[in-house]
């Protein structure tokens, strides 16, 4: 069985800054978290991310169900029933 964290596709999109438009829609910017390796899409401080990452959120099923800022193709959204699974992360 795959663990929750193993289901991540490592797209890294959740680690980019977000912007919200006047209608409340979230958009991913081109600005990554300073701890994100943009080539490997892995966090350089993953084990300490919740202490040192500005705005880093520990994702669990409850958070994912309420997180409108996660990309549609996010594996966590898909296994939580919020994404279609058809989209790909770049």
N, C-alpha and C. Protein backbone atom coordinates (compact mmCIF):
# COMPACT_ATOMS: atom_id res chain seq x y z
N UNK A 1 0.84 -1.18 0.00
CA UNK A 1 0.00 0.00 0.00
C UNK A 1 0.89 1.25 0.00
N UNK A 2 0.51 2.24 -0.76
CA UNK A 2 1.25 3.49 -0.86
C UNK A 2 0.85 4.41 0.30
N UNK A 3 1.86 4.99 0.93
CA UNK A 3 1.57 5.92 2.03
C UNK A 3 1.09 7.25 1.45
N UNK A 4 0.51 8.07 2.31
CA UNK A 4 0.00 9.38 1.90
C UNK A 4 1.08 10.19 1.19
N UNK A 5 2.25 10.34 1.79
CA UNK A 5 3.31 11.16 1.20
C UNK A 5 3.89 10.54 -0.06
N UNK A 6 3.87 9.23 -0.18
CA UNK A 6 4.38 8.57 -1.39
C UNK A 6 3.48 8.82 -2.60
N UNK A 7 2.26 9.24 -2.37
CA UNK A 7 1.34 9.49 -3.49
C UNK A 7 1.65 10.80 -4.21
N UNK A 8 2.46 11.66 -3.61
CA UNK A 8 2.82 12.95 -4.21
C UNK A 8 3.57 12.73 -5.52
N UNK A 9 3.20 13.49 -6.57
CA UNK A 9 3.87 13.39 -7.87
C UNK A 9 5.13 14.23 -7.95
N UNK A 10 5.41 15.01 -6.91
CA UNK A 10 6.59 15.88 -6.85
C UNK A 10 6.59 16.95 -7.94
N UNK A 11 5.42 17.48 -8.24
CA UNK A 11 5.36 18.55 -9.24
C UNK A 11 5.88 19.86 -8.65
N UNK A 12 5.80 20.01 -7.33
CA UNK A 12 6.31 21.20 -6.67
C UNK A 12 5.42 22.42 -6.77
N UNK A 13 4.30 22.33 -7.46
CA UNK A 13 3.44 23.51 -7.64
C UNK A 13 2.88 24.04 -6.33
N UNK A 14 2.72 23.19 -5.35
CA UNK A 14 2.22 23.67 -4.06
C UNK A 14 3.26 24.52 -3.35
N UNK A 15 4.51 24.47 -3.81
CA UNK A 15 5.60 25.23 -3.19
C UNK A 15 5.89 26.55 -3.89
N UNK A 16 5.03 26.95 -4.81
CA UNK A 16 5.16 28.25 -5.47
C UNK A 16 4.18 29.22 -4.81
N UNK A 17 4.56 30.50 -4.76
CA UNK A 17 3.66 31.49 -4.18
C UNK A 17 2.35 31.54 -4.94
N UNK A 18 1.29 31.88 -4.23
CA UNK A 18 -0.04 31.97 -4.83
C UNK A 18 -0.50 33.42 -4.84
N UNK A 19 -1.38 33.69 -5.77
CA UNK A 19 -2.01 35.00 -5.87
C UNK A 19 -3.51 34.76 -5.94
N UNK A 20 -4.28 35.69 -5.42
CA UNK A 20 -5.74 35.57 -5.43
C UNK A 20 -6.31 36.75 -6.20
N UNK A 21 -7.20 36.44 -7.16
CA UNK A 21 -7.82 37.53 -7.92
C UNK A 21 -9.03 38.07 -7.17
N UNK A 22 -9.62 39.16 -7.65
CA UNK A 22 -10.77 39.76 -6.95
C UNK A 22 -11.96 38.82 -6.77
N UNK A 23 -12.05 37.78 -7.59
CA UNK A 23 -13.16 36.82 -7.46
C UNK A 23 -12.83 35.69 -6.49
N UNK A 24 -11.63 35.75 -5.88
CA UNK A 24 -11.25 34.73 -4.91
C UNK A 24 -10.61 33.50 -5.50
N UNK A 25 -10.26 33.54 -6.78
CA UNK A 25 -9.62 32.39 -7.42
C UNK A 25 -8.11 32.44 -7.17
N UNK A 26 -7.53 31.27 -6.91
CA UNK A 26 -6.10 31.17 -6.65
C UNK A 26 -5.35 30.91 -7.94
N UNK A 27 -4.19 31.55 -8.06
CA UNK A 27 -3.30 31.33 -9.20
C UNK A 27 -1.90 31.08 -8.67
N UNK A 28 -1.20 30.14 -9.28
CA UNK A 28 0.18 29.87 -8.92
C UNK A 28 1.08 30.86 -9.65
N UNK A 29 1.97 31.52 -8.91
CA UNK A 29 2.91 32.47 -9.52
C UNK A 29 4.15 31.71 -9.99
N UNK A 30 5.10 32.44 -10.55
CA UNK A 30 6.36 31.84 -10.99
C UNK A 30 7.43 31.90 -9.90
N UNK A 31 7.04 32.31 -8.69
CA UNK A 31 7.99 32.48 -7.59
C UNK A 31 7.95 31.27 -6.65
N UNK A 32 9.02 30.46 -6.66
CA UNK A 32 9.04 29.29 -5.77
C UNK A 32 9.45 29.65 -4.35
N UNK A 33 9.12 28.80 -3.43
CA UNK A 33 9.64 28.91 -2.07
C UNK A 33 11.16 28.85 -2.17
N UNK A 34 11.84 29.59 -1.32
CA UNK A 34 13.30 29.62 -1.39
C UNK A 34 13.93 28.27 -1.05
N UNK A 35 13.16 27.36 -0.47
CA UNK A 35 13.68 26.04 -0.11
C UNK A 35 13.41 24.99 -1.19
N UNK A 36 12.70 25.36 -2.24
CA UNK A 36 12.38 24.41 -3.30
C UNK A 36 13.51 24.36 -4.33
N UNK A 37 14.01 23.15 -4.59
CA UNK A 37 14.97 22.96 -5.68
C UNK A 37 14.12 22.90 -6.95
N UNK A 38 14.21 23.91 -7.79
CA UNK A 38 13.31 23.99 -8.93
C UNK A 38 13.61 22.96 -10.01
N UNK A 39 14.78 22.34 -9.98
CA UNK A 39 15.10 21.28 -10.94
C UNK A 39 14.49 19.95 -10.49
N UNK A 40 14.79 19.54 -9.27
CA UNK A 40 14.28 18.26 -8.77
C UNK A 40 12.86 18.36 -8.24
N UNK A 41 12.41 19.59 -7.97
CA UNK A 41 11.09 19.87 -7.37
C UNK A 41 10.97 19.27 -5.97
N UNK A 42 12.08 19.15 -5.29
CA UNK A 42 12.08 18.65 -3.92
C UNK A 42 12.47 19.76 -2.95
N UNK A 43 11.92 19.69 -1.78
CA UNK A 43 12.21 20.66 -0.73
C UNK A 43 13.59 20.36 -0.14
N UNK A 44 14.42 21.39 -0.06
CA UNK A 44 15.77 21.21 0.49
C UNK A 44 15.76 21.03 2.01
N UNK A 45 14.68 21.41 2.66
CA UNK A 45 14.59 21.32 4.12
C UNK A 45 13.34 20.53 4.53
N UNK A 46 13.00 19.51 3.76
CA UNK A 46 11.73 18.81 3.94
C UNK A 46 11.47 18.39 5.39
N UNK A 47 12.46 17.81 6.04
CA UNK A 47 12.24 17.33 7.41
C UNK A 47 11.99 18.46 8.40
N UNK A 48 12.44 19.68 8.07
CA UNK A 48 12.26 20.84 8.95
C UNK A 48 11.32 21.87 8.34
N UNK A 49 10.63 21.54 7.27
CA UNK A 49 9.86 22.51 6.49
C UNK A 49 8.81 23.26 7.31
N UNK A 50 8.21 22.60 8.26
CA UNK A 50 7.15 23.25 9.03
C UNK A 50 7.71 24.26 10.03
N UNK A 51 8.99 24.11 10.38
CA UNK A 51 9.62 25.07 11.29
C UNK A 51 10.25 26.23 10.52
N UNK A 52 10.83 25.96 9.35
CA UNK A 52 11.60 27.00 8.64
C UNK A 52 10.93 27.52 7.38
N UNK A 53 9.97 26.79 6.85
CA UNK A 53 9.30 27.22 5.62
C UNK A 53 8.23 28.24 5.90
N UNK A 54 8.34 29.38 5.26
CA UNK A 54 7.33 30.42 5.43
C UNK A 54 6.05 30.00 4.72
N UNK A 55 4.99 29.82 5.46
CA UNK A 55 3.72 29.45 4.86
C UNK A 55 3.60 27.99 4.48
N UNK A 56 4.55 27.17 4.89
CA UNK A 56 4.48 25.74 4.55
C UNK A 56 3.38 25.09 5.40
N UNK A 57 2.57 24.27 4.74
CA UNK A 57 1.44 23.63 5.39
C UNK A 57 1.59 22.12 5.30
N UNK A 58 1.41 21.42 6.40
CA UNK A 58 1.45 19.96 6.38
C UNK A 58 0.14 19.49 5.76
N UNK A 59 0.25 18.80 4.64
CA UNK A 59 -0.95 18.35 3.95
C UNK A 59 -1.42 17.02 4.52
N UNK A 60 -2.69 16.97 4.83
CA UNK A 60 -3.35 15.74 5.25
C UNK A 60 -4.72 15.75 4.57
N UNK A 61 -5.46 14.66 4.61
CA UNK A 61 -6.74 14.62 3.88
C UNK A 61 -7.69 15.77 4.22
N UNK A 62 -7.77 16.17 5.47
CA UNK A 62 -8.68 17.25 5.84
C UNK A 62 -8.24 18.58 5.24
N UNK A 63 -6.94 18.87 5.31
CA UNK A 63 -6.42 20.11 4.74
C UNK A 63 -6.65 20.12 3.23
N UNK A 64 -6.38 19.00 2.57
CA UNK A 64 -6.53 18.92 1.11
C UNK A 64 -7.98 19.15 0.70
N UNK A 65 -8.92 18.59 1.44
CA UNK A 65 -10.34 18.77 1.10
C UNK A 65 -10.75 20.24 1.14
N UNK A 66 -10.05 21.04 1.92
CA UNK A 66 -10.39 22.46 2.07
C UNK A 66 -9.41 23.41 1.40
N UNK A 67 -8.40 22.89 0.73
CA UNK A 67 -7.35 23.73 0.13
C UNK A 67 -7.65 24.02 -1.33
N UNK A 68 -8.22 25.18 -1.58
CA UNK A 68 -8.54 25.57 -2.95
C UNK A 68 -7.30 25.96 -3.75
N UNK A 69 -6.17 26.12 -3.08
CA UNK A 69 -4.95 26.58 -3.74
C UNK A 69 -4.11 25.45 -4.33
N UNK A 70 -4.44 24.19 -4.03
CA UNK A 70 -3.68 23.09 -4.63
C UNK A 70 -4.06 22.94 -6.10
N UNK A 71 -3.08 22.62 -6.97
CA UNK A 71 -3.39 22.49 -8.39
C UNK A 71 -4.35 21.32 -8.64
N UNK A 72 -5.15 21.43 -9.69
CA UNK A 72 -6.14 20.39 -10.02
C UNK A 72 -5.52 19.00 -10.16
N UNK A 73 -4.32 18.91 -10.71
CA UNK A 73 -3.69 17.62 -10.94
C UNK A 73 -2.95 17.05 -9.75
N UNK A 74 -3.04 17.71 -8.62
CA UNK A 74 -2.34 17.27 -7.42
C UNK A 74 -2.82 15.87 -7.02
N UNK A 75 -1.85 14.98 -6.79
CA UNK A 75 -2.20 13.61 -6.40
C UNK A 75 -2.98 13.58 -5.10
N UNK A 76 -2.65 14.47 -4.19
CA UNK A 76 -3.39 14.52 -2.93
C UNK A 76 -4.86 14.88 -3.17
N UNK A 77 -5.10 15.82 -4.08
CA UNK A 77 -6.49 16.17 -4.42
C UNK A 77 -7.19 14.97 -5.05
N UNK A 78 -6.49 14.28 -5.93
CA UNK A 78 -7.09 13.14 -6.62
C UNK A 78 -7.50 12.05 -5.63
N UNK A 79 -6.60 11.68 -4.72
CA UNK A 79 -6.96 10.61 -3.79
C UNK A 79 -7.95 11.06 -2.73
N UNK A 80 -8.10 12.38 -2.59
CA UNK A 80 -9.10 12.91 -1.66
C UNK A 80 -10.43 13.18 -2.35
N UNK A 81 -10.49 12.90 -3.66
CA UNK A 81 -11.73 13.08 -4.40
C UNK A 81 -11.97 14.50 -4.87
N UNK A 82 -10.93 15.37 -4.87
CA UNK A 82 -11.12 16.77 -5.28
C UNK A 82 -10.56 17.07 -6.65
N UNK A 83 -9.68 16.25 -7.18
CA UNK A 83 -9.10 16.49 -8.50
C UNK A 83 -9.58 15.43 -9.47
N UNK A 84 -9.42 15.70 -10.75
CA UNK A 84 -9.87 14.73 -11.74
C UNK A 84 -8.82 13.68 -12.02
N UNK A 85 -7.55 14.01 -11.76
CA UNK A 85 -6.48 13.07 -12.06
C UNK A 85 -6.05 13.13 -13.50
N UNK A 86 -6.77 13.91 -14.34
CA UNK A 86 -6.45 14.01 -15.76
C UNK A 86 -5.36 15.03 -16.04
N UNK A 87 -5.16 15.97 -15.12
CA UNK A 87 -4.19 17.02 -15.33
C UNK A 87 -2.80 16.53 -14.95
N UNK A 88 -1.80 17.17 -15.53
CA UNK A 88 -0.43 16.83 -15.18
C UNK A 88 0.24 18.01 -14.53
N UNK A 89 1.14 17.73 -13.63
CA UNK A 89 1.96 18.77 -13.02
C UNK A 89 3.22 18.90 -13.84
N UNK A 90 3.66 20.13 -14.07
CA UNK A 90 4.88 20.36 -14.84
C UNK A 90 6.07 20.50 -13.92
